[in-house]
Amino acid sequence: MEEDSTVQRAFDLVRDGRARTLAQLRQILVSERHLAVDAQLAAHGVRARLLALMAQPGAALRPMRVCHGGGRAR
């Protein structure tokens, strides 16, 4: 269950605008004592989806839910 909460928290931090780079995101997650942060962010395309979200103008203003079916929930 830790993986789900770490990945969800990562997306929340990017959406909220608190993490604008992977380095910032990693620093926040580690400071919050999430485990295996690097491995979890690299797994199953999570990193690519986070980078895409970070690159979108106004990303912090749009809600996005993470689904585990391999795509983005709408």
Protein backbone atom coordinates (compact mmCIF):
# COMPACT_ATOMS: atom_id res chain seq x y z
CA MET A 1 0.00 0.00 0.00
CA GLU A 2 2.98 2.34 0.55
CA GLU A 3 3.58 2.48 -3.21
CA ASP A 4 0.05 3.71 -3.87
CA SER A 5 0.29 6.44 -1.25
CA THR A 6 3.73 7.60 -2.44
CA VAL A 7 2.70 7.78 -6.08
CA GLN A 8 -0.59 9.48 -5.22
CA ARG A 9 1.26 11.99 -3.04
CA ALA A 10 3.68 12.67 -5.90
CA PHE A 11 0.82 13.55 -8.23
CA ASP A 12 -0.83 15.67 -5.53
CA LEU A 13 2.38 17.66 -5.01
CA VAL A 14 2.77 18.31 -8.74
CA ARG A 15 -0.90 19.26 -9.17
CA ASP A 16 -0.71 21.61 -6.19
CA GLY A 17 2.37 23.29 -7.68
CA ARG A 18 4.58 22.43 -4.70
CA ALA A 19 6.93 20.33 -6.86
CA ARG A 20 7.88 21.74 -10.25
CA THR A 21 10.84 19.42 -10.89
CA LEU A 22 11.62 15.79 -10.16
CA ALA A 23 14.37 16.92 -7.78
CA GLN A 24 11.92 19.02 -5.77
CA LEU A 25 9.40 16.19 -5.80
CA ARG A 26 11.96 13.66 -4.57
CA GLN A 27 13.16 16.03 -1.83
CA ILE A 28 9.63 16.56 -0.52
CA LEU A 29 8.71 12.86 -0.59
CA VAL A 30 11.94 11.87 1.18
CA SER A 31 11.40 14.58 3.81
CA GLU A 32 7.89 13.17 4.36
CA ARG A 33 9.55 9.77 4.96
CA HIS A 34 8.14 7.95 1.96
CA LEU A 35 10.09 4.78 1.20
CA ALA A 36 11.92 3.80 -2.04
CA VAL A 37 10.99 7.11 -3.66
CA ASP A 38 13.29 6.77 -6.68
CA ALA A 39 12.08 3.26 -7.51
CA GLN A 40 8.43 4.17 -7.14
CA LEU A 41 8.66 7.28 -9.30
CA ALA A 42 10.43 5.28 -12.02
CA ALA A 43 7.93 2.41 -12.03
CA HIS A 44 5.21 1.79 -14.62
CA GLY A 45 5.56 5.07 -16.49
CA VAL A 46 4.95 7.16 -13.40
CA ARG A 47 7.97 9.37 -14.11
CA ALA A 48 6.81 10.08 -17.67
CA ARG A 49 3.31 11.01 -16.49
CA LEU A 50 4.72 13.28 -13.77
CA LEU A 51 7.05 15.02 -16.25
CA ALA A 52 4.16 15.50 -18.69
CA LEU A 53 2.04 17.01 -15.93
CA MET A 54 4.88 19.31 -14.86
CA ALA A 55 5.30 20.51 -18.45
CA GLN A 56 1.67 21.53 -18.87
CA PRO A 57 0.93 25.22 -18.39
CA GLY A 58 -1.36 25.70 -15.41
CA ALA A 59 -0.95 22.08 -14.33
CA ALA A 60 -1.38 23.05 -10.71
CA LEU A 61 -4.86 24.36 -11.46
CA ARG A 62 -6.30 21.21 -13.05
CA PRO A 63 -7.37 18.21 -10.99
CA MET A 64 -6.11 14.81 -12.14
CA ARG A 65 -6.87 11.46 -10.62
CA VAL A 66 -4.44 8.59 -10.90
CA CYS A 67 -5.91 5.29 -11.99
CA HIS A 68 -4.11 2.00 -11.89
CA GLY A 69 -5.44 0.74 -15.22
CA GLY A 70 -2.51 2.23 -17.13
CA GLY A 71 -4.19 5.44 -18.19
CA ARG A 72 -5.39 8.70 -16.85
CA ALA A 73 -8.81 8.94 -15.23
CA ARG A 74 -10.97 11.70 -16.61
